[in-house]
mmCIF file of all heavy atoms, coordinates in Angstrom:
data_MODEL
# 
_entry.id   MODEL 
# 
loop_
_atom_site.group_PDB 
_atom_site.id 
_atom_site.type_symbol 
_atom_site.label_atom_id 
_atom_site.label_alt_id 
_atom_site.label_comp_id 
_atom_site.label_asym_id 
_atom_site.label_entity_id 
_atom_site.label_seq_id 
_atom_site.pdbx_PDB_ins_code 
_atom_site.Cartn_x 
_atom_site.Cartn_y 
_atom_site.Cartn_z 
_atom_site.occupancy 
_atom_site.B_iso_or_equiv 
_atom_site.pdbx_formal_charge 
_atom_site.auth_seq_id 
_atom_site.auth_comp_id 
_atom_site.auth_asym_id 
_atom_site.auth_atom_id 
_atom_site.pdbx_PDB_model_num 
ATOM 1   N N   . LEU A 1 1  ? 106.131 109.089 108.561 1.00 0.00 ? 1  LEU A N   1 
ATOM 2   C CA  . LEU A 1 1  ? 107.073 109.877 109.381 1.00 0.00 ? 1  LEU A CA  1 
ATOM 3   C C   . LEU A 1 1  ? 107.114 109.306 110.821 1.00 0.00 ? 1  LEU A C   1 
ATOM 4   O O   . LEU A 1 1  ? 108.180 109.174 111.445 1.00 0.00 ? 1  LEU A O   1 
ATOM 5   C CB  . LEU A 1 1  ? 106.629 111.334 109.542 1.00 0.00 ? 1  LEU A CB  1 
ATOM 6   C CG  . LEU A 1 1  ? 107.419 112.164 110.425 1.00 0.00 ? 1  LEU A CG  1 
ATOM 7   C CD1 . LEU A 1 1  ? 108.890 112.316 109.932 1.00 0.00 ? 1  LEU A CD1 1 
ATOM 8   C CD2 . LEU A 1 1  ? 106.760 113.511 110.606 1.00 0.00 ? 1  LEU A CD2 1 
ATOM 9   N N   . ILE A 1 2  ? 105.958 108.989 111.366 1.00 0.00 ? 2  ILE A N   1 
ATOM 10  C CA  . ILE A 1 2  ? 105.915 108.400 112.786 1.00 0.00 ? 2  ILE A CA  1 
ATOM 11  C C   . ILE A 1 2  ? 106.624 107.098 112.789 1.00 0.00 ? 2  ILE A C   1 
ATOM 12  O O   . ILE A 1 2  ? 107.404 106.883 113.670 1.00 0.00 ? 2  ILE A O   1 
ATOM 13  C CB  . ILE A 1 2  ? 104.402 108.297 113.217 1.00 0.00 ? 2  ILE A CB  1 
ATOM 14  C CG1 . ILE A 1 2  ? 103.819 109.671 113.389 1.00 0.00 ? 2  ILE A CG1 1 
ATOM 15  C CG2 . ILE A 1 2  ? 104.351 107.445 114.543 1.00 0.00 ? 2  ILE A CG2 1 
ATOM 16  C CD1 . ILE A 1 2  ? 102.293 109.696 113.556 1.00 0.00 ? 2  ILE A CD1 1 
ATOM 17  N N   . ALA A 1 3  ? 106.376 106.217 111.806 1.00 0.00 ? 3  ALA A N   1 
ATOM 18  C CA  . ALA A 1 3  ? 107.026 104.898 111.745 1.00 0.00 ? 3  ALA A CA  1 
ATOM 19  C C   . ALA A 1 3  ? 108.547 105.075 111.587 1.00 0.00 ? 3  ALA A C   1 
ATOM 20  O O   . ALA A 1 3  ? 109.235 104.343 112.240 1.00 0.00 ? 3  ALA A O   1 
ATOM 21  C CB  . ALA A 1 3  ? 106.425 104.094 110.623 1.00 0.00 ? 3  ALA A CB  1 
ATOM 22  N N   . ALA A 1 4  ? 108.959 105.969 110.666 1.00 0.00 ? 4  ALA A N   1 
ATOM 23  C CA  . ALA A 1 4  ? 110.353 106.069 110.451 1.00 0.00 ? 4  ALA A CA  1 
ATOM 24  C C   . ALA A 1 4  ? 111.181 106.710 111.562 1.00 0.00 ? 4  ALA A C   1 
ATOM 25  O O   . ALA A 1 4  ? 112.240 106.412 111.816 1.00 0.00 ? 4  ALA A O   1 
ATOM 26  C CB  . ALA A 1 4  ? 110.560 106.985 109.116 1.00 0.00 ? 4  ALA A CB  1 
ATOM 27  N N   . SER A 1 5  ? 110.491 107.509 112.303 1.00 0.00 ? 5  SER A N   1 
ATOM 28  C CA  . SER A 1 5  ? 111.243 108.243 113.457 1.00 0.00 ? 5  SER A CA  1 
ATOM 29  C C   . SER A 1 5  ? 111.064 107.554 114.818 1.00 0.00 ? 5  SER A C   1 
ATOM 30  O O   . SER A 1 5  ? 111.833 107.830 115.683 1.00 0.00 ? 5  SER A O   1 
ATOM 31  C CB  . SER A 1 5  ? 110.803 109.703 113.480 1.00 0.00 ? 5  SER A CB  1 
ATOM 32  O OG  . SER A 1 5  ? 109.428 109.874 113.841 1.00 0.00 ? 5  SER A OG  1 
ATOM 33  N N   . ASN A 1 6  ? 110.045 106.664 114.895 1.00 0.00 ? 6  ASN A N   1 
ATOM 34  C CA  . ASN A 1 6  ? 109.851 105.979 116.190 1.00 0.00 ? 6  ASN A CA  1 
ATOM 35  C C   . ASN A 1 6  ? 110.892 104.923 116.373 1.00 0.00 ? 6  ASN A C   1 
ATOM 36  O O   . ASN A 1 6  ? 111.146 104.079 115.506 1.00 0.00 ? 6  ASN A O   1 
ATOM 37  C CB  . ASN A 1 6  ? 108.447 105.393 116.221 1.00 0.00 ? 6  ASN A CB  1 
ATOM 38  C CG  . ASN A 1 6  ? 108.152 104.607 117.434 1.00 0.00 ? 6  ASN A CG  1 
ATOM 39  O OD1 . ASN A 1 6  ? 108.338 103.400 117.540 1.00 0.00 ? 6  ASN A OD1 1 
ATOM 40  N ND2 . ASN A 1 6  ? 107.934 105.347 118.506 1.00 0.00 ? 6  ASN A ND2 1 
ATOM 41  N N   . THR A 1 7  ? 111.545 104.895 117.530 1.00 0.00 ? 7  THR A N   1 
ATOM 42  C CA  . THR A 1 7  ? 112.598 103.953 117.774 1.00 0.00 ? 7  THR A CA  1 
ATOM 43  C C   . THR A 1 7  ? 112.072 102.721 118.523 1.00 0.00 ? 7  THR A C   1 
ATOM 44  O O   . THR A 1 7  ? 112.875 101.809 118.807 1.00 0.00 ? 7  THR A O   1 
ATOM 45  C CB  . THR A 1 7  ? 113.702 104.585 118.649 1.00 0.00 ? 7  THR A CB  1 
ATOM 46  O OG1 . THR A 1 7  ? 113.164 104.893 119.965 1.00 0.00 ? 7  THR A OG1 1 
ATOM 47  C CG2 . THR A 1 7  ? 114.344 105.855 117.994 1.00 0.00 ? 7  THR A CG2 1 
ATOM 48  N N   . ASP A 1 8  ? 110.728 102.624 118.768 1.00 0.00 ? 8  ASP A N   1 
ATOM 49  C CA  . ASP A 1 8  ? 110.143 101.530 119.449 1.00 0.00 ? 8  ASP A CA  1 
ATOM 50  C C   . ASP A 1 8  ? 109.722 100.418 118.498 1.00 0.00 ? 8  ASP A C   1 
ATOM 51  O O   . ASP A 1 8  ? 109.387 99.316  118.989 1.00 0.00 ? 8  ASP A O   1 
ATOM 52  C CB  . ASP A 1 8  ? 109.028 101.936 120.355 1.00 0.00 ? 8  ASP A CB  1 
ATOM 53  C CG  . ASP A 1 8  ? 109.423 103.069 121.294 1.00 0.00 ? 8  ASP A CG  1 
ATOM 54  O OD1 . ASP A 1 8  ? 110.309 102.765 122.137 1.00 0.00 ? 8  ASP A OD1 1 
ATOM 55  O OD2 . ASP A 1 8  ? 108.831 104.149 121.278 1.00 0.00 ? 8  ASP A OD2 1 
ATOM 56  N N   . GLY A 1 9  ? 109.692 100.661 117.242 1.00 0.00 ? 9  GLY A N   1 
ATOM 57  C CA  . GLY A 1 9  ? 109.245 99.681  116.275 1.00 0.00 ? 9  GLY A CA  1 
ATOM 58  C C   . GLY A 1 9  ? 107.889 99.796  115.733 1.00 0.00 ? 9  GLY A C   1 
ATOM 59  O O   . GLY A 1 9  ? 107.366 98.918  115.134 1.00 0.00 ? 9  GLY A O   1 
ATOM 60  N N   . MET A 1 10 ? 107.271 101.001 115.941 1.00 0.00 ? 10 MET A N   1 
ATOM 61  C CA  . MET A 1 10 ? 105.860 101.229 115.364 1.00 0.00 ? 10 MET A CA  1 
ATOM 62  C C   . MET A 1 10 ? 105.907 101.170 113.920 1.00 0.00 ? 10 MET A C   1 
ATOM 63  O O   . MET A 1 10 ? 106.809 101.769 113.238 1.00 0.00 ? 10 MET A O   1 
ATOM 64  C CB  . MET A 1 10 ? 105.430 102.580 115.934 1.00 0.00 ? 10 MET A CB  1 
ATOM 65  C CG  . MET A 1 10 ? 103.942 102.819 115.561 1.00 0.00 ? 10 MET A CG  1 
ATOM 66  S SD  . MET A 1 10 ? 103.356 104.476 116.073 1.00 0.00 ? 10 MET A SD  1 
ATOM 67  C CE  . MET A 1 10 ? 103.652 104.507 117.775 1.00 0.00 ? 10 MET A CE  1 
ATOM 68  N N   . THR A 1 11 ? 105.028 100.470 113.290 1.00 0.00 ? 11 THR A N   1 
ATOM 69  C CA  . THR A 1 11 ? 104.791 100.337 111.826 1.00 0.00 ? 11 THR A CA  1 
ATOM 70  C C   . THR A 1 11 ? 103.886 101.496 111.376 1.00 0.00 ? 11 THR A C   1 
ATOM 71  O O   . THR A 1 11 ? 103.232 102.189 112.106 1.00 0.00 ? 11 THR A O   1 
ATOM 72  C CB  . THR A 1 11 ? 104.212 99.041  111.506 1.00 0.00 ? 11 THR A CB  1 
ATOM 73  O OG1 . THR A 1 11 ? 102.874 98.962  111.952 1.00 0.00 ? 11 THR A OG1 1 
ATOM 74  C CG2 . THR A 1 11 ? 105.014 97.888  112.081 1.00 0.00 ? 11 THR A CG2 1 
ATOM 75  N N   . GLU A 1 12 ? 103.952 101.675 110.035 1.00 0.00 ? 12 GLU A N   1 
ATOM 76  C CA  . GLU A 1 12 ? 103.125 102.690 109.388 1.00 0.00 ? 12 GLU A CA  1 
ATOM 77  C C   . GLU A 1 12 ? 101.618 102.276 109.656 1.00 0.00 ? 12 GLU A C   1 
ATOM 78  O O   . GLU A 1 12 ? 100.767 103.203 109.928 1.00 0.00 ? 12 GLU A O   1 
ATOM 79  C CB  . GLU A 1 12 ? 103.313 102.747 107.842 1.00 0.00 ? 12 GLU A CB  1 
ATOM 80  C CG  . GLU A 1 12 ? 104.475 103.516 107.512 1.00 0.00 ? 12 GLU A CG  1 
ATOM 81  C CD  . GLU A 1 12 ? 104.552 103.755 105.966 1.00 0.00 ? 12 GLU A CD  1 
ATOM 82  O OE1 . GLU A 1 12 ? 103.566 104.168 105.340 1.00 0.00 ? 12 GLU A OE1 1 
ATOM 83  O OE2 . GLU A 1 12 ? 105.619 103.604 105.442 1.00 0.00 ? 12 GLU A OE2 1 
ATOM 84  N N   . GLU A 1 13 ? 101.277 101.022 109.594 1.00 0.00 ? 13 GLU A N   1 
ATOM 85  C CA  . GLU A 1 13 ? 99.881  100.607 109.811 1.00 0.00 ? 13 GLU A CA  1 
ATOM 86  C C   . GLU A 1 13 ? 99.473  100.915 111.279 1.00 0.00 ? 13 GLU A C   1 
ATOM 87  O O   . GLU A 1 13 ? 98.340  101.365 111.489 1.00 0.00 ? 13 GLU A O   1 
ATOM 88  C CB  . GLU A 1 13 ? 99.736  99.145  109.532 1.00 0.00 ? 13 GLU A CB  1 
ATOM 89  C CG  . GLU A 1 13 ? 99.873  98.761  108.016 1.00 0.00 ? 13 GLU A CG  1 
ATOM 90  C CD  . GLU A 1 13 ? 101.388 98.718  107.633 1.00 0.00 ? 13 GLU A CD  1 
ATOM 91  O OE1 . GLU A 1 13 ? 102.319 98.585  108.461 1.00 0.00 ? 13 GLU A OE1 1 
ATOM 92  O OE2 . GLU A 1 13 ? 101.605 98.929  106.377 1.00 0.00 ? 13 GLU A OE2 1 
ATOM 93  N N   . GLN A 1 14 ? 100.289 100.760 112.185 1.00 0.00 ? 14 GLN A N   1 
ATOM 94  C CA  . GLN A 1 14 ? 100.018 101.038 113.587 1.00 0.00 ? 14 GLN A CA  1 
ATOM 95  C C   . GLN A 1 14 ? 99.906  102.571 113.725 1.00 0.00 ? 14 GLN A C   1 
ATOM 96  O O   . GLN A 1 14 ? 98.965  103.045 114.465 1.00 0.00 ? 14 GLN A O   1 
ATOM 97  C CB  . GLN A 1 14 ? 101.097 100.465 114.545 1.00 0.00 ? 14 GLN A CB  1 
ATOM 98  C CG  . GLN A 1 14 ? 101.075 98.958  114.521 1.00 0.00 ? 14 GLN A CG  1 
ATOM 99  C CD  . GLN A 1 14 ? 102.381 98.375  115.142 1.00 0.00 ? 14 GLN A CD  1 
ATOM 100 O OE1 . GLN A 1 14 ? 103.417 99.043  115.140 1.00 0.00 ? 14 GLN A OE1 1 
ATOM 101 N NE2 . GLN A 1 14 ? 102.326 97.076  115.598 1.00 0.00 ? 14 GLN A NE2 1 
ATOM 102 N N   . ALA A 1 15 ? 100.778 103.320 113.214 1.00 0.00 ? 15 ALA A N   1 
ATOM 103 C CA  . ALA A 1 15 ? 100.681 104.784 113.213 1.00 0.00 ? 15 ALA A CA  1 
ATOM 104 C C   . ALA A 1 15 ? 99.391  105.231 112.680 1.00 0.00 ? 15 ALA A C   1 
ATOM 105 O O   . ALA A 1 15 ? 98.746  106.151 113.241 1.00 0.00 ? 15 ALA A O   1 
ATOM 106 C CB  . ALA A 1 15 ? 101.878 105.389 112.535 1.00 0.00 ? 15 ALA A CB  1 
ATOM 107 N N   . ARG A 1 16 ? 98.973  104.732 111.484 1.00 0.00 ? 16 ARG A N   1 
ATOM 108 C CA  . ARG A 1 16 ? 97.732  105.122 110.886 1.00 0.00 ? 16 ARG A CA  1 
ATOM 109 C C   . ARG A 1 16 ? 96.573  104.774 111.742 1.00 0.00 ? 16 ARG A C   1 
ATOM 110 O O   . ARG A 1 16 ? 95.607  105.535 112.074 1.00 0.00 ? 16 ARG A O   1 
ATOM 111 C CB  . ARG A 1 16 ? 97.535  104.391 109.518 1.00 0.00 ? 16 ARG A CB  1 
ATOM 112 C CG  . ARG A 1 16 ? 96.167  104.541 108.904 1.00 0.00 ? 16 ARG A CG  1 
ATOM 113 C CD  . ARG A 1 16 ? 95.616  105.923 108.736 1.00 0.00 ? 16 ARG A CD  1 
ATOM 114 N NE  . ARG A 1 16 ? 96.481  106.776 107.837 1.00 0.00 ? 16 ARG A NE  1 
ATOM 115 C CZ  . ARG A 1 16 ? 96.388  108.061 107.788 1.00 0.00 ? 16 ARG A CZ  1 
ATOM 116 N NH1 . ARG A 1 16 ? 95.494  108.743 108.563 1.00 0.00 ? 16 ARG A NH1 1 
ATOM 117 N NH2 . ARG A 1 16 ? 97.235  108.801 107.051 1.00 0.00 ? 16 ARG A NH2 1 
ATOM 118 N N   . GLU A 1 17 ? 96.546  103.586 112.404 1.00 0.00 ? 17 GLU A N   1 
ATOM 119 C CA  . GLU A 1 17 ? 95.520  103.163 113.373 1.00 0.00 ? 17 GLU A CA  1 
ATOM 120 C C   . GLU A 1 17 ? 95.444  104.169 114.493 1.00 0.00 ? 17 GLU A C   1 
ATOM 121 O O   . GLU A 1 17 ? 94.281  104.635 114.860 1.00 0.00 ? 17 GLU A O   1 
ATOM 122 C CB  . GLU A 1 17 ? 95.861  101.781 113.929 1.00 0.00 ? 17 GLU A CB  1 
ATOM 123 C CG  . GLU A 1 17 ? 94.996  101.274 115.039 1.00 0.00 ? 17 GLU A CG  1 
ATOM 124 C CD  . GLU A 1 17 ? 95.440  100.060 115.695 1.00 0.00 ? 17 GLU A CD  1 
ATOM 125 O OE1 . GLU A 1 17 ? 96.352  99.367  115.221 1.00 0.00 ? 17 GLU A OE1 1 
ATOM 126 O OE2 . GLU A 1 17 ? 94.914  99.678  116.781 1.00 0.00 ? 17 GLU A OE2 1 
ATOM 127 N N   . PHE A 1 18 ? 96.550  104.555 115.069 1.00 0.00 ? 18 PHE A N   1 
ATOM 128 C CA  . PHE A 1 18 ? 96.519  105.439 116.218 1.00 0.00 ? 18 PHE A CA  1 
ATOM 129 C C   . PHE A 1 18 ? 96.050  106.841 115.759 1.00 0.00 ? 18 PHE A C   1 
ATOM 130 O O   . PHE A 1 18 ? 95.271  107.485 116.527 1.00 0.00 ? 18 PHE A O   1 
ATOM 131 C CB  . PHE A 1 18 ? 97.927  105.536 116.881 1.00 0.00 ? 18 PHE A CB  1 
ATOM 132 C CG  . PHE A 1 18 ? 98.379  104.230 117.430 1.00 0.00 ? 18 PHE A CG  1 
ATOM 133 C CD1 . PHE A 1 18 ? 99.738  103.844 117.383 1.00 0.00 ? 18 PHE A CD1 1 
ATOM 134 C CD2 . PHE A 1 18 ? 97.434  103.259 117.965 1.00 0.00 ? 18 PHE A CD2 1 
ATOM 135 C CE1 . PHE A 1 18 ? 100.169 102.661 117.888 1.00 0.00 ? 18 PHE A CE1 1 
ATOM 136 C CE2 . PHE A 1 18 ? 97.950  102.006 118.483 1.00 0.00 ? 18 PHE A CE2 1 
ATOM 137 C CZ  . PHE A 1 18 ? 99.263  101.733 118.440 1.00 0.00 ? 18 PHE A CZ  1 
ATOM 138 N N   . LEU A 1 19 ? 96.517  107.305 114.670 1.00 0.00 ? 19 LEU A N   1 
ATOM 139 C CA  . LEU A 1 19 ? 96.123  108.590 114.167 1.00 0.00 ? 19 LEU A CA  1 
ATOM 140 C C   . LEU A 1 19 ? 94.601  108.624 113.884 1.00 0.00 ? 19 LEU A C   1 
ATOM 141 O O   . LEU A 1 19 ? 93.919  109.676 114.099 1.00 0.00 ? 19 LEU A O   1 
ATOM 142 C CB  . LEU A 1 19 ? 96.831  108.995 112.916 1.00 0.00 ? 19 LEU A CB  1 
ATOM 143 C CG  . LEU A 1 19 ? 98.338  109.313 113.103 1.00 0.00 ? 19 LEU A CG  1 
ATOM 144 C CD1 . LEU A 1 19 ? 99.041  109.452 111.751 1.00 0.00 ? 19 LEU A CD1 1 
ATOM 145 C CD2 . LEU A 1 19 ? 98.477  110.648 113.949 1.00 0.00 ? 19 LEU A CD2 1 
ATOM 146 N N   . ASP A 1 20 ? 94.062  107.515 113.420 1.00 0.00 ? 20 ASP A N   1 
ATOM 147 C CA  . ASP A 1 20 ? 92.608  107.398 113.087 1.00 0.00 ? 20 ASP A CA  1 
ATOM 148 C C   . ASP A 1 20 ? 91.799  107.170 114.271 1.00 0.00 ? 20 ASP A C   1 
ATOM 149 O O   . ASP A 1 20 ? 90.528  107.586 114.257 1.00 0.00 ? 20 ASP A O   1 
ATOM 150 C CB  . ASP A 1 20 ? 92.414  106.276 112.067 1.00 0.00 ? 20 ASP A CB  1 
ATOM 151 C CG  . ASP A 1 20 ? 92.883  106.596 110.673 1.00 0.00 ? 20 ASP A CG  1 
ATOM 152 O OD1 . ASP A 1 20 ? 93.203  107.777 110.362 1.00 0.00 ? 20 ASP A OD1 1 
ATOM 153 O OD2 . ASP A 1 20 ? 93.046  105.703 109.862 1.00 0.00 ? 20 ASP A OD2 1 
ATOM 154 N N   . THR A 1 21 ? 92.281  106.518 115.361 1.00 0.00 ? 21 THR A N   1 
ATOM 155 C CA  . THR A 1 21 ? 91.355  106.144 116.422 1.00 0.00 ? 21 THR A CA  1 
ATOM 156 C C   . THR A 1 21 ? 91.559  106.876 117.752 1.00 0.00 ? 21 THR A C   1 
ATOM 157 O O   . THR A 1 21 ? 90.682  106.927 118.543 1.00 0.00 ? 21 THR A O   1 
ATOM 158 C CB  . THR A 1 21 ? 91.524  104.646 116.794 1.00 0.00 ? 21 THR A CB  1 
ATOM 159 O OG1 . THR A 1 21 ? 92.919  104.384 117.130 1.00 0.00 ? 21 THR A OG1 1 
ATOM 160 C CG2 . THR A 1 21 ? 91.177  103.819 115.561 1.00 0.00 ? 21 THR A CG2 1 
ATOM 161 N N   . TRP A 1 22 ? 92.742  107.613 117.894 1.00 0.00 ? 22 TRP A N   1 
ATOM 162 C CA  . TRP A 1 22 ? 92.887  108.375 119.066 1.00 0.00 ? 22 TRP A CA  1 
ATOM 163 C C   . TRP A 1 22 ? 92.101  109.745 118.986 1.00 0.00 ? 22 TRP A C   1 
ATOM 164 O O   . TRP A 1 22 ? 91.726  110.093 117.797 1.00 0.00 ? 22 TRP A O   1 
ATOM 165 C CB  . TRP A 1 22 ? 94.357  108.671 119.292 1.00 0.00 ? 22 TRP A CB  1 
ATOM 166 C CG  . TRP A 1 22 ? 95.156  107.540 119.709 1.00 0.00 ? 22 TRP A CG  1 
ATOM 167 C CD1 . TRP A 1 22 ? 94.765  106.248 119.938 1.00 0.00 ? 22 TRP A CD1 1 
ATOM 168 C CD2 . TRP A 1 22 ? 96.582  107.502 120.006 1.00 0.00 ? 22 TRP A CD2 1 
ATOM 169 N NE1 . TRP A 1 22 ? 95.866  105.449 120.271 1.00 0.00 ? 22 TRP A NE1 1 
ATOM 170 C CE2 . TRP A 1 22 ? 96.887  106.168 120.414 1.00 0.00 ? 22 TRP A CE2 1 
ATOM 171 C CE3 . TRP A 1 22 ? 97.552  108.468 120.026 1.00 0.00 ? 22 TRP A CE3 1 
ATOM 172 C CZ2 . TRP A 1 22 ? 98.232  105.866 120.784 1.00 0.00 ? 22 TRP A CZ2 1 
ATOM 173 C CZ3 . TRP A 1 22 ? 98.876  108.193 120.369 1.00 0.00 ? 22 TRP A CZ3 1 
ATOM 174 C CH2 . TRP A 1 22 ? 99.235  106.855 120.651 1.00 0.00 ? 22 TRP A CH2 1 
ATOM 175 N N   . SER A 1 23 ? 91.923  110.350 120.112 1.00 0.00 ? 23 SER A N   1 
ATOM 176 C CA  . SER A 1 23 ? 91.234  111.632 120.004 1.00 0.00 ? 23 SER A CA  1 
ATOM 177 C C   . SER A 1 23 ? 92.099  112.587 119.229 1.00 0.00 ? 23 SER A C   1 
ATOM 178 O O   . SER A 1 23 ? 93.321  112.360 118.914 1.00 0.00 ? 23 SER A O   1 
ATOM 179 C CB  . SER A 1 23 ? 91.160  112.195 121.520 1.00 0.00 ? 23 SER A CB  1 
ATOM 180 O OG  . SER A 1 23 ? 92.442  112.636 121.948 1.00 0.00 ? 23 SER A OG  1 
ATOM 181 N N   . ASP A 1 24 ? 91.463  113.731 118.763 1.00 0.00 ? 24 ASP A N   1 
ATOM 182 C CA  . ASP A 1 24 ? 92.134  114.637 117.854 1.00 0.00 ? 24 ASP A CA  1 
ATOM 183 C C   . ASP A 1 24 ? 93.380  115.115 118.541 1.00 0.00 ? 24 ASP A C   1 
ATOM 184 O O   . ASP A 1 24 ? 94.431  115.281 117.908 1.00 0.00 ? 24 ASP A O   1 
ATOM 185 C CB  . ASP A 1 24 ? 91.175  115.783 117.459 1.00 0.00 ? 24 ASP A CB  1 
ATOM 186 C CG  . ASP A 1 24 ? 91.687  116.655 116.420 1.00 0.00 ? 24 ASP A CG  1 
ATOM 187 O OD1 . ASP A 1 24 ? 92.156  116.086 115.360 1.00 0.00 ? 24 ASP A OD1 1 
ATOM 188 O OD2 . ASP A 1 24 ? 91.577  117.844 116.586 1.00 0.00 ? 24 ASP A OD2 1 
# 
């Protein structure tokens, strides 16, 4: 969802990385 709706070019892998590593 993040990758599909982000207009900056974020990939699913990047979205997963941020979801897994950023604070809750």
